[in-house]
């Protein structure tokens, strides 16, 4: 009786083992860097900082737009402002004019 021995597995050459180890190390480094980037993105402090930066940028854009609108419409805004001031101050202005009228109609007293 002859016994049949199983065939020996094909031996891998040294170069393919070195390449597969290098590829595995590269993929591990890539995974670790992806995990670090994900942790950085999901960190609540960093999320808050990015939120504040976005809101600040939007506020600056709105302020710049408002300034531009005000520059383009300065005469209209000035007229509206003066009108509002005159309406608000009509009572004191009216009293001042009345005081001027009464002082002109009074005659100076002579001794």
N, C-alpha and C. Protein backbone atom coordinates (compact mmCIF):
# COMPACT_ATOMS: atom_id res chain seq x y z
N UNK A 1 0.81 -1.15 0.00
CA UNK A 1 0.00 0.00 0.00
C UNK A 1 0.87 1.24 0.00
N UNK A 2 0.47 2.04 -0.86
CA UNK A 2 1.24 3.26 -0.91
C UNK A 2 0.37 4.38 -0.37
N UNK A 3 0.94 5.21 0.41
CA UNK A 3 0.19 6.33 0.98
C UNK A 3 0.42 7.56 0.12
N UNK A 4 -0.64 8.22 -0.09
CA UNK A 4 -0.55 9.45 -0.90
C UNK A 4 -0.48 10.62 0.07
N UNK A 5 0.56 11.29 -0.04
CA UNK A 5 0.75 12.47 0.80
C UNK A 5 0.12 13.68 0.13
N UNK A 6 -0.46 14.57 0.94
CA UNK A 6 -1.01 15.78 0.34
C UNK A 6 0.09 16.62 -0.26
N UNK A 7 -0.29 17.31 -1.29
CA UNK A 7 0.70 18.16 -1.94
C UNK A 7 1.09 19.31 -1.02
N UNK A 8 2.29 19.67 -1.13
CA UNK A 8 2.77 20.80 -0.34
C UNK A 8 2.20 22.09 -0.94
N UNK A 9 1.81 23.02 -0.06
CA UNK A 9 1.29 24.27 -0.61
C UNK A 9 2.39 25.01 -1.36
N UNK A 10 1.96 25.74 -2.33
CA UNK A 10 2.93 26.52 -3.09
C UNK A 10 3.56 27.53 -2.15
N UNK A 11 4.80 27.54 -2.14
CA UNK A 11 5.53 28.50 -1.30
C UNK A 11 5.47 29.86 -1.98
N UNK A 12 5.21 30.87 -1.17
CA UNK A 12 5.18 32.23 -1.73
C UNK A 12 6.59 32.76 -1.73
N UNK A 13 6.85 33.52 -2.73
CA UNK A 13 8.20 34.08 -2.77
C UNK A 13 8.32 35.28 -1.84
N UNK A 14 9.49 35.61 -1.49
CA UNK A 14 9.79 36.64 -0.51
C UNK A 14 9.29 38.01 -0.96
N UNK A 15 9.43 38.29 -2.23
CA UNK A 15 9.03 39.60 -2.75
C UNK A 15 7.53 39.84 -2.61
N UNK A 16 6.71 38.82 -2.86
CA UNK A 16 5.26 39.01 -2.73
C UNK A 16 4.86 39.21 -1.27
N UNK A 17 5.55 38.56 -0.34
CA UNK A 17 5.28 38.75 1.09
C UNK A 17 5.63 40.18 1.49
N UNK A 18 6.75 40.66 1.01
CA UNK A 18 7.19 42.03 1.33
C UNK A 18 6.18 43.04 0.78
N UNK A 19 5.73 42.82 -0.45
CA UNK A 19 4.76 43.74 -1.07
C UNK A 19 3.43 43.71 -0.33
N UNK A 20 2.96 42.53 0.05
CA UNK A 20 1.67 42.47 0.75
C UNK A 20 1.77 43.12 2.12
N UNK A 21 2.92 42.95 2.80
CA UNK A 21 3.12 43.63 4.09
C UNK A 21 3.13 45.15 3.91
N UNK A 22 3.79 45.61 2.88
CA UNK A 22 3.85 47.05 2.61
C UNK A 22 2.45 47.59 2.30
N UNK A 23 1.69 46.84 1.50
CA UNK A 23 0.34 47.28 1.18
C UNK A 23 -0.54 47.31 2.43
N UNK A 24 -0.40 46.32 3.28
CA UNK A 24 -1.17 46.27 4.52
C UNK A 24 -0.81 47.46 5.44
N UNK A 25 0.48 47.76 5.53
CA UNK A 25 0.91 48.91 6.35
C UNK A 25 0.37 50.22 5.78
N UNK A 26 0.39 50.34 4.45
CA UNK A 26 -0.15 51.54 3.80
C UNK A 26 -1.64 51.68 4.09
N UNK A 27 -2.39 50.61 3.93
CA UNK A 27 -3.82 50.66 4.17
C UNK A 27 -4.13 50.96 5.64
N UNK A 28 -3.32 50.44 6.56
CA UNK A 28 -3.51 50.72 7.98
C UNK A 28 -3.28 52.20 8.26
N UNK A 29 -2.20 52.77 7.69
CA UNK A 29 -1.93 54.21 7.87
C UNK A 29 -3.06 55.05 7.30
N UNK A 30 -3.56 54.65 6.12
CA UNK A 30 -4.66 55.38 5.49
C UNK A 30 -5.91 55.32 6.36
N UNK A 31 -6.22 54.16 6.92
CA UNK A 31 -7.38 54.02 7.81
C UNK A 31 -7.22 54.87 9.06
N UNK A 32 -6.03 54.84 9.65
CA UNK A 32 -5.80 55.64 10.86
C UNK A 32 -5.93 57.14 10.57
N UNK A 33 -5.43 57.59 9.42
CA UNK A 33 -5.55 59.01 9.10
C UNK A 33 -7.01 59.37 8.83
N UNK A 34 -7.77 58.47 8.21
CA UNK A 34 -9.20 58.72 7.99
C UNK A 34 -9.94 58.79 9.32
N UNK A 35 -9.60 57.90 10.25
CA UNK A 35 -10.22 57.92 11.56
C UNK A 35 -9.89 59.21 12.31
N UNK A 36 -8.63 59.64 12.20
CA UNK A 36 -8.24 60.88 12.88
C UNK A 36 -8.99 62.07 12.29
N UNK A 37 -9.13 62.10 10.96
CA UNK A 37 -9.86 63.20 10.32
C UNK A 37 -11.32 63.17 10.73
N UNK A 38 -11.91 61.99 10.82
CA UNK A 38 -13.30 61.87 11.23
C UNK A 38 -13.50 62.32 12.67
N UNK A 39 -12.58 61.92 13.54
CA UNK A 39 -12.66 62.36 14.94
C UNK A 39 -12.56 63.88 15.04
N UNK A 40 -11.67 64.45 14.23
CA UNK A 40 -11.50 65.90 14.25
C UNK A 40 -12.78 66.59 13.77
N UNK A 41 -13.40 66.07 12.74
CA UNK A 41 -14.63 66.67 12.21
C UNK A 41 -15.76 66.55 13.23
N UNK A 42 -15.85 65.41 13.90
CA UNK A 42 -16.96 65.17 14.82
C UNK A 42 -16.75 65.73 16.22
N UNK A 43 -15.57 66.27 16.49
CA UNK A 43 -15.30 66.85 17.81
C UNK A 43 -16.23 68.05 18.01
N UNK A 44 -16.99 68.09 19.11
CA UNK A 44 -17.95 69.18 19.33
C UNK A 44 -17.32 70.57 19.30
N UNK A 45 -16.11 70.72 19.83
CA UNK A 45 -15.46 72.03 19.81
C UNK A 45 -15.20 72.49 18.38
N UNK A 46 -14.75 71.55 17.55
CA UNK A 46 -14.48 71.91 16.16
C UNK A 46 -15.77 72.20 15.40
N UNK A 47 -16.83 71.47 15.72
CA UNK A 47 -18.12 71.75 15.09
C UNK A 47 -18.60 73.14 15.47
N UNK A 48 -18.46 73.49 16.74
CA UNK A 48 -18.87 74.81 17.20
C UNK A 48 -18.04 75.90 16.53
N UNK A 49 -16.73 75.68 16.42
CA UNK A 49 -15.85 76.66 15.77
C UNK A 49 -16.25 76.87 14.31
N UNK A 50 -16.51 75.78 13.59
CA UNK A 50 -16.92 75.90 12.19
C UNK A 50 -18.27 76.60 12.07
N UNK A 51 -19.19 76.31 12.99
CA UNK A 51 -20.50 76.97 12.99
C UNK A 51 -20.33 78.47 13.18
N UNK A 52 -19.51 78.86 14.14
CA UNK A 52 -19.28 80.29 14.40
C UNK A 52 -18.64 80.95 13.19
N UNK A 53 -17.69 80.26 12.55
CA UNK A 53 -17.05 80.82 11.36
C UNK A 53 -18.06 81.03 10.24
N UNK A 54 -18.95 80.06 10.04
CA UNK A 54 -19.97 80.20 8.99
C UNK A 54 -20.90 81.36 9.30
N UNK A 55 -21.33 81.48 10.55
CA UNK A 55 -22.24 82.56 10.92
C UNK A 55 -21.56 83.91 10.80
N UNK A 56 -20.28 83.99 11.17
CA UNK A 56 -19.53 85.24 11.05
C UNK A 56 -19.41 85.64 9.59
N UNK A 57 -19.12 84.67 8.74
CA UNK A 57 -19.00 84.96 7.30
C UNK A 57 -20.33 85.45 6.75
N UNK A 58 -21.42 84.80 7.13
CA UNK A 58 -22.74 85.24 6.66
C UNK A 58 -23.07 86.64 7.18
N UNK A 59 -22.75 86.91 8.43
CA UNK A 59 -23.02 88.24 9.00
C UNK A 59 -22.23 89.31 8.26
N UNK A 60 -20.97 89.01 7.93
CA UNK A 60 -20.15 89.98 7.19
C UNK A 60 -20.74 90.23 5.81
N UNK A 61 -21.21 89.16 5.15
CA UNK A 61 -21.80 89.33 3.83
C UNK A 61 -23.07 90.17 3.91
N UNK A 62 -23.89 89.93 4.90
CA UNK A 62 -25.11 90.72 5.06
C UNK A 62 -24.78 92.17 5.36
N UNK A 63 -23.79 92.40 6.23
CA UNK A 63 -23.39 93.77 6.56
C UNK A 63 -22.83 94.48 5.32
N UNK A 64 -22.02 93.78 4.53
CA UNK A 64 -21.49 94.40 3.31
C UNK A 64 -22.62 94.75 2.34
N UNK A 65 -23.59 93.85 2.22
CA UNK A 65 -24.74 94.13 1.35
C UNK A 65 -25.54 95.32 1.84
N UNK A 66 -25.73 95.41 3.16
CA UNK A 66 -26.47 96.53 3.73
C UNK A 66 -25.74 97.84 3.50
N UNK A 67 -24.44 97.83 3.69
CA UNK A 67 -23.64 99.05 3.46
C UNK A 67 -23.74 99.47 2.00
N UNK A 68 -23.70 98.51 1.10
CA UNK A 68 -23.79 98.83 -0.33
C UNK A 68 -25.16 99.42 -0.67
N UNK A 69 -26.22 98.86 -0.10
CA UNK A 69 -27.56 99.39 -0.32
C UNK A 69 -27.67 100.81 0.23
N UNK A 70 -27.09 101.02 1.42
CA UNK A 70 -27.13 102.36 2.02
C UNK A 70 -26.36 103.36 1.17
N UNK A 71 -25.23 102.94 0.61
CA UNK A 71 -24.46 103.85 -0.25
C UNK A 71 -25.23 104.20 -1.51
N UNK A 72 -25.88 103.19 -2.07
CA UNK A 72 -26.62 103.43 -3.31
C UNK A 72 -27.86 104.29 -3.09
N UNK A 73 -28.44 104.24 -1.91
CA UNK A 73 -29.68 104.96 -1.62
C UNK A 73 -29.49 106.05 -0.57
N UNK A 74 -28.31 106.61 -0.48
CA UNK A 74 -28.01 107.60 0.56
C UNK A 74 -28.94 108.80 0.52
N UNK A 75 -29.22 109.40 -0.64
CA UNK A 75 -30.12 110.57 -0.63
C UNK A 75 -31.51 110.24 -0.10
N UNK A 76 -32.05 109.10 -0.50
CA UNK A 76 -33.39 108.72 -0.04
C UNK A 76 -33.38 108.48 1.47
N UNK A 77 -32.35 107.80 1.93
CA UNK A 77 -32.24 107.53 3.37
C UNK A 77 -32.09 108.83 4.14
N UNK A 78 -31.32 109.78 3.59
CA UNK A 78 -31.15 111.08 4.25
C UNK A 78 -32.46 111.84 4.35
N UNK A 79 -33.23 111.85 3.27
CA UNK A 79 -34.52 112.55 3.27
C UNK A 79 -35.47 111.92 4.27
N UNK A 80 -35.51 110.61 4.29
CA UNK A 80 -36.38 109.91 5.25
C UNK A 80 -35.94 110.21 6.68
N UNK A 81 -34.64 110.23 6.92
CA UNK A 81 -34.13 110.52 8.26
C UNK A 81 -34.47 111.93 8.72
N UNK A 82 -34.27 112.89 7.82
CA UNK A 82 -34.60 114.29 8.17
C UNK A 82 -36.10 114.44 8.39
N UNK A 83 -36.89 113.78 7.56
CA UNK A 83 -38.35 113.85 7.74
C UNK A 83 -38.77 113.27 9.08
N UNK A 84 -38.22 112.14 9.42
CA UNK A 84 -38.55 111.52 10.71
C UNK A 84 -38.12 112.43 11.86
N UNK A 85 -36.95 113.07 11.73
CA UNK A 85 -36.47 113.98 12.77
C UNK A 85 -37.40 115.19 12.91
N UNK A 86 -37.83 115.74 11.79
CA UNK A 86 -38.74 116.88 11.85
C UNK A 86 -40.09 116.51 12.45
N UNK A 87 -40.60 115.34 12.11
CA UNK A 87 -41.87 114.89 12.67
C UNK A 87 -41.73 114.69 14.18
N UNK A 88 -40.62 114.11 14.60
CA UNK A 88 -40.42 113.87 16.03
C UNK A 88 -40.21 115.17 16.79
N UNK A 89 -39.61 116.16 16.13
CA UNK A 89 -39.28 117.41 16.82
C UNK A 89 -40.27 118.52 16.52
N UNK A 90 -41.44 118.22 15.96
CA UNK A 90 -42.37 119.28 15.58
C UNK A 90 -42.90 120.06 16.79
N UNK A 91 -43.07 119.40 17.92
CA UNK A 91 -43.54 120.10 19.12
C UNK A 91 -42.55 121.16 19.59
N UNK A 92 -41.30 120.81 19.83
CA UNK A 92 -40.33 121.82 20.25
C UNK A 92 -40.11 122.92 19.20
N UNK A 93 -40.14 122.55 17.93
CA UNK A 93 -39.96 123.56 16.87
C UNK A 93 -41.14 124.53 16.88
N UNK A 94 -42.33 124.00 17.02
CA UNK A 94 -43.53 124.85 17.06
C UNK A 94 -43.47 125.81 18.25
N UNK A 95 -43.06 125.33 19.42
CA UNK A 95 -42.95 126.21 20.60
C UNK A 95 -41.88 127.28 20.37
N UNK A 96 -40.81 126.94 19.73
CA UNK A 96 -39.73 127.90 19.48
C UNK A 96 -40.23 129.01 18.54
N UNK A 97 -40.96 128.62 17.49
CA UNK A 97 -41.50 129.61 16.56
C UNK A 97 -42.51 130.51 17.27
N UNK A 98 -43.34 129.91 18.13
CA UNK A 98 -44.32 130.72 18.90
C UNK A 98 -43.60 131.71 19.79
N UNK A 99 -42.54 131.28 20.41
CA UNK A 99 -41.78 132.17 21.28
C UNK A 99 -41.19 133.32 20.47
N UNK A 100 -40.70 133.05 19.28
CA UNK A 100 -40.15 134.12 18.43
C UNK A 100 -41.24 135.11 18.03
N UNK A 101 -42.42 134.63 17.70
CA UNK A 101 -43.52 135.51 17.30
C UNK A 101 -43.95 136.42 18.45
N UNK A 102 -44.06 135.83 19.62
CA UNK A 102 -44.50 136.62 20.77
C UNK A 102 -43.46 137.65 21.17
N UNK A 103 -42.21 137.35 21.01
CA UNK A 103 -41.20 138.32 21.39
C UNK A 103 -41.17 139.51 20.42
N UNK A 104 -41.55 139.32 19.16
CA UNK A 104 -41.58 140.42 18.19
C UNK A 104 -42.79 141.32 18.39
N UNK A 105 -43.91 140.75 18.86
CA UNK A 105 -45.12 141.55 19.03
C UNK A 105 -45.07 142.37 20.31
N UNK A 106 -44.32 141.96 21.27
CA UNK A 106 -44.22 142.73 22.51
C UNK A 106 -43.37 143.98 22.28
N UNK A 107 -43.80 145.08 22.82
CA UNK A 107 -43.02 146.32 22.70
C UNK A 107 -42.14 146.46 23.94
N UNK A 108 -41.00 146.99 23.73
CA UNK A 108 -40.14 147.17 24.90
C UNK A 108 -40.73 148.22 25.82
N UNK A 109 -40.65 148.00 27.07
CA UNK A 109 -41.22 148.96 28.05
C UNK A 109 -40.26 150.13 28.21
N UNK A 110 -40.83 151.29 28.22
CA UNK A 110 -39.99 152.49 28.36
C UNK A 110 -40.16 153.07 29.77
N UNK A 111 -39.14 153.70 30.26
CA UNK A 111 -39.16 154.25 31.61
C UNK A 111 -39.47 155.67 31.63
